[in-house]
PDB file of N, CA and C in Angstrom:
ATOM      1  N   MET A   1       1.839  -1.026  15.518  1.00  0.00           N
ATOM      2  CA  MET A   1       1.812  -0.303  14.257  1.00  0.00           C
ATOM      3  C   MET A   1       0.518  -0.651  13.516  1.00  0.00           C
ATOM      4  N   GLU A   2      -0.134   0.364  13.010  1.00  0.00           N
ATOM      5  CA  GLU A   2      -1.371   0.157  12.271  1.00  0.00           C
ATOM      6  C   GLU A   2      -1.079  -0.428  10.892  1.00  0.00           C
ATOM      7  N   ALA A   3      -2.090  -1.042  10.302  1.00  0.00           N
ATOM      8  CA  ALA A   3      -1.938  -1.657   8.977  1.00  0.00           C
ATOM      9  C   ALA A   3      -1.526  -0.614   7.935  1.00  0.00           C
ATOM     10  N   LYS A   4      -2.111   0.582   8.017  1.00  0.00           N
ATOM     11  CA  LYS A   4      -1.775   1.601   6.996  1.00  0.00           C
ATOM     12  C   LYS A   4      -0.314   2.018   7.100  1.00  0.00           C
ATOM     13  N   ASP A   5       0.228   2.060   8.320  1.00  0.00           N
ATOM     14  CA  ASP A   5       1.640   2.394   8.499  1.00  0.00           C
ATOM     15  C   ASP A   5       2.528   1.298   7.917  1.00  0.00           C
ATOM     16  N   THR A   6       2.131   0.049   8.127  1.00  0.00           N
ATOM     17  CA  THR A   6       2.874  -1.094   7.601  1.00  0.00           C
ATOM     18  C   THR A   6       2.874  -1.070   6.073  1.00  0.00           C
ATOM     19  N   VAL A   7       1.704  -0.831   5.495  1.00  0.00           N
ATOM     20  CA  VAL A   7       1.576  -0.778   4.033  1.00  0.00           C
ATOM     21  C   VAL A   7       2.450   0.333   3.455  1.00  0.00           C
ATOM     22  N   LEU A   8       2.401   1.507   4.046  1.00  0.00           N
ATOM     23  CA  LEU A   8       3.188   2.641   3.552  1.00  0.00           C
ATOM     24  C   LEU A   8       4.684   2.364   3.692  1.00  0.00           C
ATOM     25  N   GLU A   9       5.081   1.747   4.779  1.00  0.00           N
ATOM     26  CA  GLU A   9       6.489   1.412   5.002  1.00  0.00           C
ATOM     27  C   GLU A   9       6.987   0.420   3.944  1.00  0.00           C
ATOM     28  N   ILE A  10       6.187  -0.579   3.626  1.00  0.00           N
ATOM     29  CA  ILE A  10       6.553  -1.572   2.598  1.00  0.00           C
ATOM     30  C   ILE A  10       6.700  -0.893   1.246  1.00  0.00           C
ATOM     31  N   MET A  11       5.761  -0.007   0.917  1.00  0.00           N
ATOM     32  CA  MET A  11       5.835   0.708  -0.364  1.00  0.00           C
ATOM     33  C   MET A  11       7.116   1.519  -0.462  1.00  0.00           C
ATOM     34  N   ARG A  12       7.504   2.160   0.622  1.00  0.00           N
ATOM     35  CA  ARG A  12       8.719   2.978   0.610  1.00  0.00           C
ATOM     36  C   ARG A  12       9.969   2.121   0.488  1.00  0.00           C
ATOM     37  N   LYS A  13       9.980   0.954   1.116  1.00  0.00           N
ATOM     38  CA  LYS A  13      11.143   0.067   1.075  1.00  0.00           C
ATOM     39  C   LYS A  13      11.345  -0.565  -0.298  1.00  0.00           C
ATOM     40  N   GLU A  14      10.254  -0.887  -0.988  1.00  0.00           N
ATOM     41  CA  GLU A  14      10.338  -1.592  -2.265  1.00  0.00           C
ATOM     42  C   GLU A  14      10.771  -0.698  -3.423  1.00  0.00           C
ATOM     43  N   HIS A  15      10.538   0.597  -3.348  1.00  0.00           N
ATOM     44  CA  HIS A  15      10.930   1.552  -4.397  1.00  0.00           C
ATOM     45  C   HIS A  15      10.352   1.218  -5.770  1.00  0.00           C
ATOM     46  N   LYS A  16       9.176   0.606  -5.797  1.00  0.00           N
ATOM     47  CA  LYS A  16       8.486   0.349  -7.062  1.00  0.00           C
ATOM     48  C   LYS A  16       6.997   0.228  -6.777  1.00  0.00           C
ATOM     49  N   PRO A  17       6.153   0.471  -7.774  1.00  0.00           N
ATOM     50  CA  PRO A  17       4.717   0.329  -7.566  1.00  0.00           C
ATOM     51  C   PRO A  17       4.351  -1.122  -7.234  1.00  0.00           C
ATOM     52  N   LEU A  18       3.442  -1.292  -6.268  1.00  0.00           N
ATOM     53  CA  LEU A  18       3.022  -2.618  -5.831  1.00  0.00           C
ATOM     54  C   LEU A  18       1.512  -2.751  -5.871  1.00  0.00           C
ATOM     55  N   SER A  19       1.045  -3.967  -6.089  1.00  0.00           N
ATOM     56  CA  SER A  19      -0.386  -4.245  -6.023  1.00  0.00           C
ATOM     57  C   SER A  19      -0.736  -4.614  -4.591  1.00  0.00           C
ATOM     58  N   ALA A  20      -2.014  -4.600  -4.267  1.00  0.00           N
ATOM     59  CA  ALA A  20      -2.468  -4.970  -2.924  1.00  0.00           C
ATOM     60  C   ALA A  20      -2.082  -6.408  -2.596  1.00  0.00           C
ATOM     61  N   GLY A  21      -2.149  -7.290  -3.584  1.00  0.00           N
ATOM     62  CA  GLY A  21      -1.778  -8.691  -3.385  1.00  0.00           C
ATOM     63  C   GLY A  21      -0.313  -8.846  -3.032  1.00  0.00           C
ATOM     64  N   GLN A  22       0.536  -8.084  -3.697  1.00  0.00           N
ATOM     65  CA  GLN A  22       1.978  -8.136  -3.402  1.00  0.00           C
ATOM     66  C   GLN A  22       2.255  -7.626  -1.991  1.00  0.00           C
ATOM     67  N   ILE A  23       1.582  -6.563  -1.604  1.00  0.00           N
ATOM     68  CA  ILE A  23       1.768  -6.002  -0.268  1.00  0.00           C
ATOM     69  C   ILE A  23       1.301  -6.992   0.793  1.00  0.00           C
ATOM     70  N   ALA A  24       0.167  -7.644   0.550  1.00  0.00           N
ATOM     71  CA  ALA A  24      -0.337  -8.645   1.496  1.00  0.00           C
ATOM     72  C   ALA A  24       0.651  -9.796   1.646  1.00  0.00           C
ATOM     73  N   GLU A  25       1.239 -10.218   0.546  1.00  0.00           N
ATOM     74  CA  GLU A  25       2.209 -11.320   0.563  1.00  0.00           C
ATOM     75  C   GLU A  25       3.477 -10.933   1.338  1.00  0.00           C
ATOM     76  N   ILE A  26       3.975  -9.735   1.100  1.00  0.00           N
ATOM     77  CA  ILE A  26       5.190  -9.267   1.767  1.00  0.00           C
ATOM     78  C   ILE A  26       4.957  -9.044   3.261  1.00  0.00           C
ATOM     79  N   SER A  27       3.834  -8.420   3.593  1.00  0.00           N
ATOM     80  CA  SER A  27       3.574  -8.030   4.982  1.00  0.00           C
ATOM     81  C   SER A  27       3.023  -9.153   5.844  1.00  0.00           C
ATOM     82  N   GLY A  28       2.348 -10.112   5.209  1.00  0.00           N
ATOM     83  CA  GLY A  28       1.694 -11.162   5.979  1.00  0.00           C
ATOM     84  C   GLY A  28       0.323 -10.749   6.483  1.00  0.00           C
ATOM     85  N   LEU A  29      -0.119  -9.551   6.112  1.00  0.00           N
ATOM     86  CA  LEU A  29      -1.451  -9.072   6.498  1.00  0.00           C
ATOM     87  C   LEU A  29      -2.503  -9.707   5.597  1.00  0.00           C
ATOM     88  N   ASP A  30      -3.730  -9.742   6.078  1.00  0.00           N
ATOM     89  CA  ASP A  30      -4.851 -10.222   5.283  1.00  0.00           C
ATOM     90  C   ASP A  30      -5.116  -9.245   4.144  1.00  0.00           C
ATOM     91  N   ARG A  31      -5.501  -9.764   2.984  1.00  0.00           N
ATOM     92  CA  ARG A  31      -5.728  -8.923   1.798  1.00  0.00           C
ATOM     93  C   ARG A  31      -6.782  -7.846   2.062  1.00  0.00           C
ATOM     94  N   LYS A  32      -7.849  -8.195   2.783  1.00  0.00           N
ATOM     95  CA  LYS A  32      -8.901  -7.212   3.077  1.00  0.00           C
ATOM     96  C   LYS A  32      -8.361  -6.081   3.948  1.00  0.00           C
ATOM     97  N   GLU A  33      -7.484  -6.428   4.865  1.00  0.00           N
ATOM     98  CA  GLU A  33      -6.869  -5.422   5.734  1.00  0.00           C
ATOM     99  C   GLU A  33      -5.984  -4.477   4.912  1.00  0.00           C
ATOM    100  N   VAL A  34      -5.256  -5.033   3.954  1.00  0.00           N
ATOM    101  CA  VAL A  34      -4.408  -4.231   3.069  1.00  0.00           C
ATOM    102  C   VAL A  34      -5.271  -3.307   2.218  1.00  0.00           C
ATOM    103  N   ASP A  35      -6.359  -3.826   1.656  1.00  0.00           N
ATOM    104  CA  ASP A  35      -7.262  -3.002   0.840  1.00  0.00           C
ATOM    105  C   ASP A  35      -7.824  -1.831   1.654  1.00  0.00           C
ATOM    106  N   LYS A  36      -8.216  -2.108   2.885  1.00  0.00           N
ATOM    107  CA  LYS A  36      -8.768  -1.069   3.760  1.00  0.00           C
ATOM    108  C   LYS A  36      -7.707  -0.009   4.066  1.00  0.00           C
ATOM    109  N   ALA A  37      -6.488  -0.458   4.359  1.00  0.00           N
ATOM    110  CA  ALA A  37      -5.394   0.477   4.651  1.00  0.00           C
ATOM    111  C   ALA A  37      -5.074   1.334   3.430  1.00  0.00           C
ATOM    112  N   MET A  38      -5.067   0.717   2.252  1.00  0.00           N
ATOM    113  CA  MET A  38      -4.765   1.453   1.023  1.00  0.00           C
ATOM    114  C   MET A  38      -5.851   2.483   0.720  1.00  0.00           C
ATOM    115  N   LYS A  39      -7.088   2.148   0.998  1.00  0.00           N
ATOM    116  CA  LYS A  39      -8.180   3.096   0.780  1.00  0.00           C
ATOM    117  C   LYS A  39      -7.999   4.313   1.683  1.00  0.00           C
ATOM    118  N   THR A  40      -7.622   4.069   2.931  1.00  0.00           N
ATOM    119  CA  THR A  40      -7.369   5.164   3.870  1.00  0.00           C
ATOM    120  C   THR A  40      -6.201   6.025   3.391  1.00  0.00           C
ATOM    121  N   LEU A  41      -5.116   5.381   2.963  1.00  0.00           N
ATOM    122  CA  LEU A  41      -3.948   6.115   2.470  1.00  0.00           C
ATOM    123  C   LEU A  41      -4.295   6.939   1.228  1.00  0.00           C
ATOM    124  N   LYS A  42      -5.132   6.378   0.363  1.00  0.00           N
ATOM    125  CA  LYS A  42      -5.548   7.099  -0.845  1.00  0.00           C
ATOM    126  C   LYS A  42      -6.370   8.334  -0.465  1.00  0.00           C
ATOM    127  N   ASN A  43      -7.287   8.165   0.484  1.00  0.00           N
ATOM    128  CA  ASN A  43      -8.115   9.285   0.924  1.00  0.00           C
ATOM    129  C   ASN A  43      -7.290  10.369   1.618  1.00  0.00           C
ATOM    130  N   GLU A  44      -6.195   9.979   2.270  1.00  0.00           N
ATOM    131  CA  GLU A  44      -5.304  10.932   2.927  1.00  0.00           C
ATOM    132  C   GLU A  44      -4.288  11.514   1.943  1.00  0.00           C
ATOM    133  N   ASP A  45      -4.373  11.105   0.680  1.00  0.00           N
ATOM    134  CA  ASP A  45      -3.508  11.596  -0.397  1.00  0.00           C
ATOM    135  C   ASP A  45      -2.032  11.277  -0.141  1.00  0.00           C
ATOM    136  N   LEU A  46      -1.757  10.080   0.400  1.00  0.00           N
ATOM    137  CA  LEU A  46      -0.387   9.650   0.680  1.00  0.00           C
ATOM    138  C   LEU A  46       0.162   8.680  -0.363  1.00  0.00           C
ATOM    139  N   ILE A  47      -0.728   8.091  -1.182  1.00  0.00           N
ATOM    140  CA  ILE A  47      -0.283   7.178  -2.228  1.00  0.00           C
ATOM    141  C   ILE A  47      -0.929   7.564  -3.555  1.00  0.00           C
ATOM    142  N   VAL A  48      -0.254   7.196  -4.639  1.00  0.00           N
ATOM    143  CA  VAL A  48      -0.756   7.473  -5.987  1.00  0.00           C
ATOM    144  C   VAL A  48      -0.630   6.204  -6.828  1.00  0.00           C
ATOM    145  N   SER A  49      -1.398   6.155  -7.892  1.00  0.00           N
ATOM    146  CA  SER A  49      -1.383   5.000  -8.777  1.00  0.00           C
ATOM    147  C   SER A  49      -0.768   5.385 -10.124  1.00  0.00           C
ATOM    148  N   PRO A  50       0.477   4.939 -10.383  1.00  0.00           N
ATOM    149  CA  PRO A  50       1.106   5.260 -11.666  1.00  0.00           C
ATOM    150  C   PRO A  50       0.523   4.435 -12.812  1.00  0.00           C
ATOM    151  N   ARG A  51      -0.077   3.291 -12.486  1.00  0.00           N
ATOM    152  CA  ARG A  51      -0.772   2.465 -13.480  1.00  0.00           C
ATOM    153  C   ARG A  51      -1.838   1.660 -12.750  1.00  0.00           C
ATOM    154  N   ARG A  52      -2.774   1.172 -13.489  1.00  0.00           N
ATOM    155  CA  ARG A  52      -3.929   0.488 -12.920  1.00  0.00           C
ATOM    156  C   ARG A  52      -3.529  -0.631 -11.949  1.00  0.00           C
ATOM    157  N   CYS A  53      -4.119  -0.587 -10.748  1.00  0.00           N
ATOM    158  CA  CYS A  53      -3.967  -1.609  -9.704  1.00  0.00           C
ATOM    159  C   CYS A  53      -2.595  -1.629  -9.038  1.00  0.00           C
ATOM    160  N   TYR A  54      -1.742  -0.674  -9.316  1.00  0.00           N
ATOM    161  CA  TYR A  54      -0.442  -0.595  -8.666  1.00  0.00           C
ATOM    162  C   TYR A  54      -0.320   0.761  -7.986  1.00  0.00           C
ATOM    163  N   TRP A  55       0.275   0.755  -6.804  1.00  0.00           N
ATOM    164  CA  TRP A  55       0.340   1.962  -5.994  1.00  0.00           C
ATOM    165  C   TRP A  55       1.755   2.197  -5.487  1.00  0.00           C
ATOM    166  N   GLU A  56       2.066   3.473  -5.242  1.00  0.00           N
ATOM    167  CA  GLU A  56       3.349   3.852  -4.672  1.00  0.00           C
ATOM    168  C   GLU A  56       3.140   5.093  -3.804  1.00  0.00           C
ATOM    169  N   PRO A  57       4.071   5.360  -2.890  1.00  0.00           N
ATOM    170  CA  PRO A  57       3.934   6.554  -2.045  1.00  0.00           C
ATOM    171  C   PRO A  57       4.022   7.819  -2.880  1.00  0.00           C
ATOM    172  N   LYS A  58       3.276   8.822  -2.479  1.00  0.00           N
ATOM    173  CA  LYS A  58       3.326  10.107  -3.173  1.00  0.00           C
ATOM    174  C   LYS A  58       4.641  10.788  -2.842  1.00  0.00           C
ATOM    175  N   LYS A  59       5.240  11.414  -3.814  1.00  0.00           N
ATOM    176  CA  LYS A  59       6.551  12.044  -3.603  1.00  0.00           C
ATOM    177  C   LYS A  59       6.431  13.462  -3.200  1.00  0.00           C
TER     178      LYS A  59
END
């Protein structure tokens, strides 16, 4: 499973906006890897930011 898939899966399971640091802590992935995955997800329009530095899956 790719990092972006892992990040998106965690966001869906948590049902609340998460920061990159929280996702890294939950997933065990490196923070830089999480940031890269989130950037890809943002560019693919799969996640949105309801408030600064927190992200959730697009509905």
